[in-house]
Structures are given as structure tokens and as C-alpha cells.
Amino acid sequence: MASKMLYVFLFFLVHSQPYALVNGDATLIKNTCKNTKYYDLCFSSLKSNPRSPKADTKSLALIMLGIGIANATSTSSYLSSKLLGNSNDTTLKSVLKECADKYKYAGDALQASTQDLANEVYDYAYMHITAASDYPHACHNLFKMYPGLVYPRDLALREDGLKHICDVALGIIDNLNW
């Protein structure tokens, strides 16, 4: 059930961007995505992006990183908005602030990886994407430090979503034969 909800969340995240369904280079997208951990996520994300028809493999990786940046930014904003709630729980607010920062750092790391890809420094891109994938886990660990706090289910879905997006981006970079 959680897996189904994750894919529904990712579907809406990917498709909430202002892209029309396009008929991209299906062969390149299929061949690229079959070497990733999450074929369906990869294929639907890339197939729906209007830049895909003229994209090479590196451009497909950049498209996926853009989706990851949007995810991290959205989650950071979501967590920041939770700080404005009516709760007087200072511990919860502190953890939410830290988590918002972690997702901001994830977005920054993904942004850095786009520069690394543009400069064809693939090992650094890989390192930045791996770091971005780990920031949500640090947020999860913050909740574990306080026994009275419950890790929100919607945040767990967002965590898994960003990790899956990062895994797809890493799989695409593996296709670059560096």
C-alpha cells in the first residue's frame, strides 16, 4: 500500500509540472530507463517531459535531476509551512526546521550535480546525488532522536520519492560510460 501511495505521489509531482505529454525518443528513454532501479518512474518522468525528444542520455539525466530539485524544494517548502502551524511543541518545530534545511541541502546538492554533469565531472555528480539522497534519511533520524515524535507518513513518502528519483538519476549516469 505504501509503495502504491509513493508512486501516486511521484506521479502527481512529476505531472504537476507544466509539461504536456510528448512523444519523446521512446527507444532511448526505454534503453536508458531499463538500467535504472525504478523503470516506471524513470520512463513516465522522461516521457512526459517536452525536452526529451531531442535529449541525449546526459540530457535525460539533467531532466531527472530537475525533477529531484523540484521534489527537494517542494518538500523543504512543505516542512517550512508546517512551522507556521498552531503547534506550541518547540521540539517538533526544531526538528521540522532541521528537516526543511536537510531538504534544502538536498536540492543544493542536486543543483551542484547538474553543474558537474555539464562539466562532465561524473564522479562528482554521482557524489552530489548520493549526498542528496541521504539528506532525507538524516531528517528521518532526527525524528528517531525524540521518542515522543512520530515521523509523518507523508514525509516518509516524500523521503522515498526523493531517494527513488536520485536512484534513477544515478542509474542514468551509469549509462554515460564514464
N, C-alpha and C. Protein backbone atom coordinates (compact mmCIF):
# COMPACT_ATOMS: atom_id res chain seq x y z
N MET A 1 0.82 -1.18 0.00
CA MET A 1 0.00 0.00 0.00
C MET A 1 0.87 1.25 0.00
N ALA A 2 1.91 1.27 0.83
CA ALA A 2 2.79 2.43 0.89
C ALA A 2 3.49 2.63 -0.44
N SER A 3 3.88 1.53 -1.09
CA SER A 3 4.52 1.64 -2.40
C SER A 3 3.58 2.25 -3.42
N LYS A 4 2.31 1.85 -3.38
CA LYS A 4 1.32 2.39 -4.30
C LYS A 4 1.14 3.89 -4.05
N MET A 5 1.09 4.29 -2.78
CA MET A 5 0.93 5.71 -2.45
C MET A 5 2.15 6.51 -2.88
N LEU A 6 3.35 5.91 -2.77
CA LEU A 6 4.56 6.59 -3.19
C LEU A 6 4.49 6.88 -4.69
N TYR A 7 4.09 5.89 -5.47
CA TYR A 7 4.03 6.11 -6.91
C TYR A 7 2.93 7.10 -7.29
N VAL A 8 1.85 7.12 -6.56
CA VAL A 8 0.81 8.12 -6.80
C VAL A 8 1.38 9.51 -6.51
N PHE A 9 2.10 9.65 -5.38
CA PHE A 9 2.71 10.93 -5.04
C PHE A 9 3.70 11.35 -6.13
N LEU A 10 4.57 10.42 -6.54
CA LEU A 10 5.57 10.75 -7.56
C LEU A 10 4.90 11.08 -8.90
N PHE A 11 3.83 10.36 -9.23
CA PHE A 11 3.11 10.63 -10.47
C PHE A 11 2.61 12.07 -10.47
N PHE A 12 1.98 12.48 -9.35
CA PHE A 12 1.45 13.84 -9.29
C PHE A 12 2.56 14.87 -9.25
N LEU A 13 3.67 14.56 -8.59
CA LEU A 13 4.79 15.50 -8.55
C LEU A 13 5.34 15.71 -9.95
N VAL A 14 5.57 14.61 -10.65
CA VAL A 14 6.14 14.69 -12.00
C VAL A 14 5.18 15.37 -12.95
N HIS A 15 3.90 15.03 -12.84
CA HIS A 15 2.94 15.54 -13.80
C HIS A 15 2.32 16.86 -13.39
N SER A 16 2.66 17.37 -12.22
CA SER A 16 2.14 18.67 -11.83
C SER A 16 2.98 19.78 -12.45
N GLN A 17 4.10 19.40 -13.03
CA GLN A 17 4.91 20.40 -13.70
C GLN A 17 4.26 20.76 -15.02
N PRO A 18 4.50 21.95 -15.53
CA PRO A 18 3.78 22.41 -16.72
C PRO A 18 4.29 21.77 -18.01
N TYR A 19 4.20 20.46 -18.07
CA TYR A 19 4.64 19.75 -19.26
C TYR A 19 3.46 19.03 -19.88
N ALA A 20 3.39 19.07 -21.17
CA ALA A 20 2.38 18.27 -21.87
C ALA A 20 3.00 16.92 -22.16
N LEU A 21 2.17 15.93 -22.33
CA LEU A 21 2.68 14.61 -22.69
C LEU A 21 3.27 14.71 -24.08
N VAL A 22 4.49 14.29 -24.23
CA VAL A 22 5.18 14.39 -25.51
C VAL A 22 5.57 13.01 -25.97
N ASN A 23 5.82 12.90 -27.24
CA ASN A 23 6.25 11.63 -27.80
C ASN A 23 7.76 11.69 -27.98
N GLY A 24 8.49 11.52 -26.89
CA GLY A 24 9.94 11.60 -26.91
C GLY A 24 10.55 10.40 -27.61
N ASP A 25 11.87 10.39 -27.67
CA ASP A 25 12.58 9.27 -28.28
C ASP A 25 12.40 8.06 -27.36
N ALA A 26 11.32 7.34 -27.62
CA ALA A 26 10.93 6.23 -26.75
C ALA A 26 12.03 5.18 -26.64
N THR A 27 12.74 4.93 -27.72
CA THR A 27 13.79 3.91 -27.69
C THR A 27 14.91 4.31 -26.75
N LEU A 28 15.39 5.54 -26.87
CA LEU A 28 16.46 6.00 -25.97
C LEU A 28 15.98 6.00 -24.53
N ILE A 29 14.77 6.48 -24.31
CA ILE A 29 14.24 6.53 -22.94
C ILE A 29 14.11 5.12 -22.38
N LYS A 30 13.54 4.20 -23.16
CA LYS A 30 13.41 2.80 -22.69
C LYS A 30 14.76 2.19 -22.38
N ASN A 31 15.71 2.36 -23.30
CA ASN A 31 17.04 1.76 -23.10
C ASN A 31 17.75 2.38 -21.90
N THR A 32 17.55 3.66 -21.70
CA THR A 32 18.16 4.34 -20.56
C THR A 32 17.51 3.88 -19.26
N CYS A 33 16.20 3.85 -19.25
CA CYS A 33 15.47 3.53 -18.02
C CYS A 33 15.58 2.07 -17.60
N LYS A 34 15.78 1.18 -18.56
CA LYS A 34 15.85 -0.24 -18.19
C LYS A 34 17.08 -0.54 -17.33
N ASN A 35 18.03 0.38 -17.30
CA ASN A 35 19.22 0.20 -16.47
C ASN A 35 19.12 0.95 -15.15
N THR A 36 17.91 1.37 -14.78
CA THR A 36 17.73 2.06 -13.51
C THR A 36 16.93 1.16 -12.56
N LYS A 37 16.94 1.51 -11.29
CA LYS A 37 16.21 0.71 -10.28
C LYS A 37 14.70 0.86 -10.39
N TYR A 38 14.24 1.98 -10.92
CA TYR A 38 12.80 2.28 -10.96
C TYR A 38 12.39 2.65 -12.38
N TYR A 39 12.27 1.61 -13.20
CA TYR A 39 11.96 1.81 -14.62
C TYR A 39 10.71 2.65 -14.82
N ASP A 40 9.62 2.32 -14.15
CA ASP A 40 8.35 3.03 -14.37
C ASP A 40 8.47 4.52 -14.03
N LEU A 41 9.11 4.82 -12.93
CA LEU A 41 9.31 6.21 -12.54
C LEU A 41 10.17 6.92 -13.59
N CYS A 42 11.23 6.28 -13.99
CA CYS A 42 12.13 6.85 -14.98
C CYS A 42 11.39 7.11 -16.30
N PHE A 43 10.72 6.09 -16.80
CA PHE A 43 10.07 6.20 -18.11
C PHE A 43 8.96 7.25 -18.10
N SER A 44 8.10 7.21 -17.09
CA SER A 44 6.99 8.17 -17.08
C SER A 44 7.50 9.61 -16.89
N SER A 45 8.54 9.78 -16.10
CA SER A 45 9.10 11.12 -15.87
C SER A 45 9.71 11.68 -17.14
N LEU A 46 10.50 10.86 -17.81
CA LEU A 46 11.20 11.34 -19.00
C LEU A 46 10.27 11.44 -20.21
N LYS A 47 9.36 10.51 -20.33
CA LYS A 47 8.45 10.51 -21.46
C LYS A 47 7.53 11.73 -21.44
N SER A 48 7.21 12.22 -20.27
CA SER A 48 6.28 13.35 -20.16
C SER A 48 6.97 14.71 -20.26
N ASN A 49 8.28 14.72 -20.39
CA ASN A 49 9.00 15.99 -20.42
C ASN A 49 9.20 16.46 -21.86
N PRO A 50 8.87 17.70 -22.17
CA PRO A 50 8.96 18.18 -23.55
C PRO A 50 10.40 18.29 -24.08
N ARG A 51 11.39 18.24 -23.21
CA ARG A 51 12.78 18.28 -23.67
C ARG A 51 13.29 16.92 -24.09
N SER A 52 12.56 15.86 -23.77
CA SER A 52 13.02 14.51 -24.04
C SER A 52 13.21 14.17 -25.53
N PRO A 53 12.36 14.65 -26.44
CA PRO A 53 12.51 14.22 -27.84
C PRO A 53 13.89 14.50 -28.43
N LYS A 54 14.53 15.56 -28.01
CA LYS A 54 15.84 15.90 -28.57
C LYS A 54 16.98 15.62 -27.60
N ALA A 55 16.69 14.91 -26.53
CA ALA A 55 17.68 14.71 -25.47
C ALA A 55 18.59 13.52 -25.76
N ASP A 56 19.85 13.68 -25.37
CA ASP A 56 20.76 12.55 -25.32
C ASP A 56 20.73 12.02 -23.88
N THR A 57 21.54 11.02 -23.60
CA THR A 57 21.50 10.40 -22.27
C THR A 57 21.84 11.39 -21.17
N LYS A 58 22.85 12.23 -21.41
CA LYS A 58 23.21 13.22 -20.39
C LYS A 58 22.06 14.19 -20.15
N SER A 59 21.38 14.60 -21.19
CA SER A 59 20.23 15.50 -21.04
C SER A 59 19.10 14.82 -20.28
N LEU A 60 18.92 13.52 -20.48
CA LEU A 60 17.91 12.78 -19.73
C LEU A 60 18.25 12.79 -18.23
N ALA A 61 19.53 12.66 -17.92
CA ALA A 61 19.97 12.73 -16.52
C ALA A 61 19.67 14.12 -15.96
N LEU A 62 19.91 15.16 -16.74
CA LEU A 62 19.63 16.52 -16.28
C LEU A 62 18.13 16.74 -16.06
N ILE A 63 17.30 16.16 -16.91
CA ILE A 63 15.85 16.26 -16.71
C ILE A 63 15.46 15.60 -15.39
N MET A 64 16.01 14.43 -15.13
CA MET A 64 15.69 13.72 -13.88
C MET A 64 16.19 14.52 -12.67
N LEU A 65 17.34 15.14 -12.80
CA LEU A 65 17.85 15.96 -11.69
C LEU A 65 16.93 17.16 -11.46
N GLY A 66 16.39 17.73 -12.51
CA GLY A 66 15.44 18.82 -12.36
C GLY A 66 14.21 18.39 -11.57
N ILE A 67 13.76 17.17 -11.83
CA ILE A 67 12.63 16.62 -11.08
C ILE A 67 13.01 16.44 -9.62
N GLY A 68 14.24 16.00 -9.37
CA GLY A 68 14.72 15.85 -7.99
C GLY A 68 14.83 17.18 -7.28
N ILE A 69 15.29 18.21 -7.98
CA ILE A 69 15.39 19.54 -7.39
C ILE A 69 13.99 20.04 -7.03
N ALA A 70 13.05 19.83 -7.93
CA ALA A 70 11.66 20.25 -7.66
C ALA A 70 11.10 19.51 -6.44
N ASN A 71 11.40 18.23 -6.33
CA ASN A 71 10.93 17.43 -5.20
C ASN A 71 11.53 17.95 -3.89
N ALA A 72 12.84 18.17 -3.87
CA ALA A 72 13.51 18.64 -2.65
C ALA A 72 13.01 20.02 -2.26
N THR A 73 12.85 20.90 -3.22
CA THR A 73 12.37 22.25 -2.96
C THR A 73 10.94 22.23 -2.43
N SER A 74 10.11 21.40 -3.05
CA SER A 74 8.72 21.27 -2.61
C SER A 74 8.64 20.75 -1.18
N THR A 75 9.46 19.77 -0.87
CA THR A 75 9.44 19.19 0.48
C THR A 75 9.97 20.19 1.50
N SER A 76 11.01 20.93 1.17
CA SER A 76 11.53 21.95 2.07
C SER A 76 10.46 23.01 2.35
N SER A 77 9.76 23.43 1.30
CA SER A 77 8.68 24.42 1.47
C SER A 77 7.54 23.86 2.30
N TYR A 78 7.20 22.60 2.04
CA TYR A 78 6.15 21.93 2.81
C TYR A 78 6.50 21.92 4.30
N LEU A 79 7.73 21.55 4.61
CA LEU A 79 8.15 21.50 6.01
C LEU A 79 8.18 22.89 6.63
N SER A 80 8.63 23.86 5.88
CA SER A 80 8.64 25.24 6.38
C SER A 80 7.23 25.72 6.68
N SER A 81 6.27 25.32 5.85
CA SER A 81 4.88 25.73 6.09
C SER A 81 4.33 25.08 7.36
N LYS A 82 4.82 23.89 7.68
CA LYS A 82 4.39 23.21 8.92
C LYS A 82 4.86 23.97 10.15
N LEU A 83 5.93 24.74 10.02
CA LEU A 83 6.44 25.54 11.14
C LEU A 83 5.47 26.65 11.52
N LEU A 84 4.67 27.06 10.56
CA LEU A 84 3.72 28.15 10.80
C LEU A 84 2.44 27.68 11.47
N GLY A 85 2.33 26.37 11.68
CA GLY A 85 1.12 25.79 12.27
C GLY A 85 0.91 26.25 13.70
N ASN A 86 -0.16 25.75 14.28
CA ASN A 86 -0.57 26.17 15.62
C ASN A 86 0.14 25.43 16.74
N SER A 87 0.99 24.52 16.42
CA SER A 87 1.64 23.73 17.46
C SER A 87 2.58 24.58 18.31
N ASN A 88 2.54 24.34 19.61
CA ASN A 88 3.45 25.02 20.54
C ASN A 88 4.62 24.11 20.91
N ASP A 89 4.71 22.96 20.26
CA ASP A 89 5.75 21.98 20.55
C ASP A 89 7.07 22.48 19.96
N THR A 90 7.94 23.00 20.81
CA THR A 90 9.21 23.56 20.34
C THR A 90 10.15 22.49 19.78
N THR A 91 10.06 21.28 20.34
CA THR A 91 10.90 20.19 19.82
C THR A 91 10.48 19.86 18.40
N LEU A 92 9.18 19.72 18.17
CA LEU A 92 8.69 19.42 16.82
C LEU A 92 9.09 20.53 15.85
N LYS A 93 8.93 21.77 16.26
CA LYS A 93 9.28 22.89 15.37
C LYS A 93 10.78 22.88 15.06
N SER A 94 11.59 22.56 16.05
CA SER A 94 13.03 22.49 15.83
C SER A 94 13.38 21.38 14.82
N VAL A 95 12.75 20.23 14.98
CA VAL A 95 13.00 19.11 14.07
C VAL A 95 12.50 19.44 12.66
N LEU A 96 11.34 20.06 12.56
CA LEU A 96 10.81 20.44 11.24
C LEU A 96 11.74 21.45 10.55
N LYS A 97 12.28 22.38 11.32
CA LYS A 97 13.22 23.36 10.75
C LYS A 97 14.47 22.66 10.24
N GLU A 98 15.01 21.74 11.05
CA GLU A 98 16.19 20.98 10.63
C GLU A 98 15.89 20.17 9.36
N CYS A 99 14.72 19.56 9.33
CA CYS A 99 14.34 18.76 8.15
C CYS A 99 14.18 19.64 6.92
N ALA A 100 13.58 20.81 7.09
CA ALA A 100 13.45 21.73 5.95
C ALA A 100 14.84 22.08 5.42
N ASP A 101 15.78 22.30 6.34
CA ASP A 101 17.15 22.60 5.93
C ASP A 101 17.79 21.41 5.21
N LYS A 102 17.53 20.19 5.70
CA LYS A 102 18.10 19.00 5.05
C LYS A 102 17.61 18.88 3.61
N TYR A 103 16.33 19.13 3.39
CA TYR A 103 15.80 19.05 2.03
C TYR A 103 16.33 20.20 1.17
N LYS A 104 16.58 21.34 1.77
CA LYS A 104 17.21 22.44 1.01
C LYS A 104 18.62 22.03 0.59
N TYR A 105 19.35 21.40 1.52
CA TYR A 105 20.70 20.93 1.18
C TYR A 105 20.65 19.88 0.08
N ALA A 106 19.63 19.04 0.12
CA ALA A 106 19.47 18.03 -0.94
C ALA A 106 19.29 18.71 -2.29
N GLY A 107 18.44 19.74 -2.32
CA GLY A 107 18.25 20.49 -3.56
C GLY A 107 19.54 21.15 -4.02
N ASP A 108 20.29 21.70 -3.08
CA ASP A 108 21.58 22.32 -3.42
C ASP A 108 22.56 21.29 -3.99
N ALA A 109 22.58 20.12 -3.39
CA ALA A 109 23.47 19.06 -3.87
C ALA A 109 23.08 18.63 -5.29
N LEU A 110 21.78 18.52 -5.54
CA LEU A 110 21.32 18.15 -6.88
C LEU A 110 21.66 19.25 -7.88
N GLN A 111 21.53 20.50 -7.46
CA GLN A 111 21.91 21.62 -8.33
C GLN A 111 23.40 21.54 -8.67
N ALA A 112 24.21 21.23 -7.68
CA ALA A 112 25.65 21.09 -7.91
C ALA A 112 25.92 19.94 -8.89
N SER A 113 25.13 18.89 -8.79
CA SER A 113 25.35 17.75 -9.70
C SER A 113 25.04 18.12 -11.14
N THR A 114 24.11 19.06 -11.36
CA THR A 114 23.83 19.49 -12.74
C THR A 114 25.05 20.20 -13.33
N GLN A 115 25.74 20.97 -12.50
CA GLN A 115 26.97 21.62 -12.96
C GLN A 115 28.06 20.59 -13.24
N ASP A 116 28.13 19.59 -12.36
CA ASP A 116 29.11 18.53 -12.55
C ASP A 116 28.87 17.80 -13.87
N LEU A 117 27.60 17.51 -14.15
CA LEU A 117 27.27 16.84 -15.41
C LEU A 117 27.62 17.72 -16.60
N ALA A 118 27.29 18.99 -16.53
CA ALA A 118 27.60 19.92 -17.62
C ALA A 118 29.11 19.96 -17.89
N ASN A 119 29.89 19.84 -16.83
CA ASN A 119 31.35 19.85 -16.95
C ASN A 119 31.94 18.46 -17.17
N GLU A 120 31.06 17.47 -17.27
CA GLU A 120 31.45 16.07 -17.47
C GLU A 120 32.36 15.54 -16.36
N VAL A 121 32.09 15.99 -15.15
CA VAL A 121 32.79 15.50 -13.96
C VAL A 121 31.82 14.53 -13.28
N TYR A 122 31.70 13.35 -13.88
CA TYR A 122 30.65 12.42 -13.50
C TYR A 122 30.81 11.86 -12.08
N ASP A 123 32.04 11.69 -11.63
CA ASP A 123 32.22 11.17 -10.27
C ASP A 123 31.72 12.17 -9.23
N TYR A 124 31.91 13.44 -9.45
CA TYR A 124 31.39 14.45 -8.53
C TYR A 124 29.87 14.53 -8.60
N ALA A 125 29.34 14.41 -9.82
CA ALA A 125 27.88 14.40 -9.96
C ALA A 125 27.30 13.24 -9.15
N TYR A 126 27.92 12.08 -9.27
CA TYR A 126 27.49 10.89 -8.54
C TYR A 126 27.54 11.15 -7.04
N MET A 127 28.63 11.75 -6.60
CA MET A 127 28.80 12.05 -5.17
C MET A 127 27.71 13.01 -4.68
N HIS A 128 27.43 14.05 -5.44
CA HIS A 128 26.41 15.03 -5.03
C HIS A 128 25.01 14.41 -5.00
N ILE A 129 24.71 13.55 -5.97
CA ILE A 129 23.40 12.90 -5.99
C ILE A 129 23.27 11.94 -4.82
N THR A 130 24.33 11.23 -4.52
CA THR A 130 24.32 10.32 -3.37
C THR A 130 24.09 11.10 -2.08
N ALA A 131 24.74 12.25 -1.95
CA ALA A 131 24.54 13.09 -0.76
C ALA A 131 23.08 13.56 -0.70
N ALA A 132 22.54 14.00 -1.83
CA ALA A 132 21.15 14.47 -1.87
C ALA A 132 20.20 13.37 -1.44
N SER A 133 20.50 12.16 -1.83
CA SER A 133 19.66 11.02 -1.47
C SER A 133 19.71 10.72 0.03
N ASP A 134 20.81 11.08 0.66
CA ASP A 134 20.99 10.77 2.08
C ASP A 134 20.41 11.83 3.02
N TYR A 135 20.26 13.05 2.56
CA TYR A 135 19.72 14.11 3.43
C TYR A 135 18.35 13.76 4.02
N PRO A 136 17.42 13.20 3.24
CA PRO A 136 16.13 12.84 3.84
C PRO A 136 16.27 11.82 4.98
N HIS A 137 17.24 10.93 4.85
CA HIS A 137 17.47 9.95 5.91
C HIS A 137 17.91 10.65 7.20
N ALA A 138 18.70 11.70 7.06
CA ALA A 138 19.11 12.48 8.23
C ALA A 138 17.90 13.11 8.91
N CYS A 139 16.94 13.55 8.11
CA CYS A 139 15.70 14.09 8.67
C CYS A 139 14.96 13.00 9.44
N HIS A 140 14.85 11.83 8.84
CA HIS A 140 14.17 10.70 9.49
C HIS A 140 14.83 10.40 10.83
N ASN A 141 16.15 10.43 10.85
CA ASN A 141 16.88 10.14 12.09
C ASN A 141 16.62 11.18 13.17
N LEU A 142 16.38 12.43 12.77
CA LEU A 142 16.05 13.46 13.76
C LEU A 142 14.78 13.10 14.52
N PHE A 143 13.79 12.57 13.81
CA PHE A 143 12.55 12.17 14.48
C PHE A 143 12.80 11.01 15.44
N LYS A 144 13.72 10.12 15.10
CA LYS A 144 14.02 8.97 15.96
C LYS A 144 14.70 9.40 17.26
N MET A 145 15.35 10.56 17.24
CA MET A 145 16.05 11.03 18.44
C MET A 145 15.08 11.45 19.54
N TYR A 146 13.83 11.71 19.18
CA TYR A 146 12.84 12.17 20.13
C TYR A 146 11.69 11.18 20.17
N PRO A 147 11.66 10.31 21.19
CA PRO A 147 10.66 9.23 21.25
C PRO A 147 9.21 9.71 21.17
N GLY A 148 8.92 10.92 21.56
CA GLY A 148 7.55 11.41 21.52
C GLY A 148 7.11 11.88 20.14
N LEU A 149 8.06 12.02 19.22
CA LEU A 149 7.71 12.49 17.88
C LEU A 149 7.47 11.31 16.95
N VAL A 150 6.45 11.44 16.14
CA VAL A 150 6.12 10.41 15.15
C VAL A 150 6.51 10.95 13.78
N TYR A 151 7.24 10.13 13.04
CA TYR A 151 7.64 10.52 11.68
C TYR A 151 6.40 10.50 10.80
N PRO A 152 6.01 11.66 10.25
CA PRO A 152 4.77 11.73 9.47
C PRO A 152 4.81 10.85 8.21
N ARG A 153 3.72 10.18 7.95
CA ARG A 153 3.62 9.27 6.80
C ARG A 153 3.86 10.02 5.49
N ASP A 154 3.31 11.22 5.37
CA ASP A 154 3.50 11.97 4.12
C ASP A 154 4.97 12.36 3.94
N LEU A 155 5.68 12.58 5.02
CA LEU A 155 7.11 12.88 4.92
C LEU A 155 7.89 11.62 4.54
N ALA A 156 7.47 10.48 5.05
CA ALA A 156 8.11 9.21 4.67
C ALA A 156 7.95 8.97 3.17
N LEU A 157 6.78 9.28 2.62
CA LEU A 157 6.56 9.13 1.18
C LEU A 157 7.44 10.08 0.39
N ARG A 158 7.58 11.29 0.88
CA ARG A 158 8.44 12.27 0.20
C ARG A 158 9.90 11.82 0.26
N GLU A 159 10.30 11.26 1.40
CA GLU A 159 11.67 10.75 1.56
C GLU A 159 11.93 9.66 0.53
N ASP A 160 11.03 8.69 0.46
CA ASP A 160 11.19 7.61 -0.51
C ASP A 160 11.19 8.14 -1.93
N GLY A 161 10.33 9.12 -2.20
CA GLY A 161 10.26 9.69 -3.53
C GLY A 161 11.58 10.30 -3.97
N LEU A 162 12.18 11.10 -3.10
CA LEU A 162 13.45 11.73 -3.46
C LEU A 162 14.54 10.68 -3.62
N LYS A 163 14.54 9.69 -2.75
CA LYS A 163 15.54 8.62 -2.88
C LYS A 163 15.39 7.89 -4.21
N HIS A 164 14.15 7.61 -4.61
CA HIS A 164 13.91 6.91 -5.88
C HIS A 164 14.34 7.77 -7.06
N ILE A 165 14.03 9.05 -7.01
CA ILE A 165 14.45 9.95 -8.09
C ILE A 165 15.97 9.98 -8.19
N CYS A 166 16.65 10.06 -7.05
CA CYS A 166 18.11 10.05 -7.05
C CYS A 166 18.65 8.74 -7.59
N ASP A 167 18.04 7.62 -7.20
CA ASP A 167 18.48 6.32 -7.72
C ASP A 167 18.34 6.26 -9.24
N VAL A 168 17.26 6.81 -9.77
CA VAL A 168 17.08 6.84 -11.22
C VAL A 168 18.18 7.69 -11.86
N ALA A 169 18.43 8.87 -11.30
CA ALA A 169 19.47 9.75 -11.85
C ALA A 169 20.83 9.05 -11.83
N LEU A 170 21.14 8.34 -10.75
CA LEU A 170 22.41 7.61 -10.67
C LEU A 170 22.48 6.52 -11.74
N GLY A 171 21.36 5.83 -11.94
CA GLY A 171 21.32 4.79 -12.97
C GLY A 171 21.54 5.36 -14.36
N ILE A 172 20.98 6.53 -14.62
CA ILE A 172 21.19 7.17 -15.92
C ILE A 172 22.64 7.57 -16.10
N ILE A 173 23.24 8.11 -15.04
CA ILE A 173 24.66 8.49 -15.13
C ILE A 173 25.52 7.27 -15.38
N ASP A 174 25.14 6.12 -14.82
CA ASP A 174 25.89 4.89 -15.09
C ASP A 174 25.87 4.57 -16.59
N ASN A 175 24.82 4.99 -17.30
CA ASN A 175 24.72 4.75 -18.74
C ASN A 175 25.69 5.63 -19.55
N LEU A 176 26.29 6.62 -18.92
CA LEU A 176 27.17 7.53 -19.65
C LEU A 176 28.56 6.93 -19.91
N ASN A 177 28.82 5.77 -19.35
CA ASN A 177 30.09 5.04 -19.58
C ASN A 177 31.30 5.89 -19.26
N TRP A 178 31.32 6.42 -18.07
CA TRP A 178 32.46 7.23 -17.66
C TRP A 178 33.48 6.36 -17.00
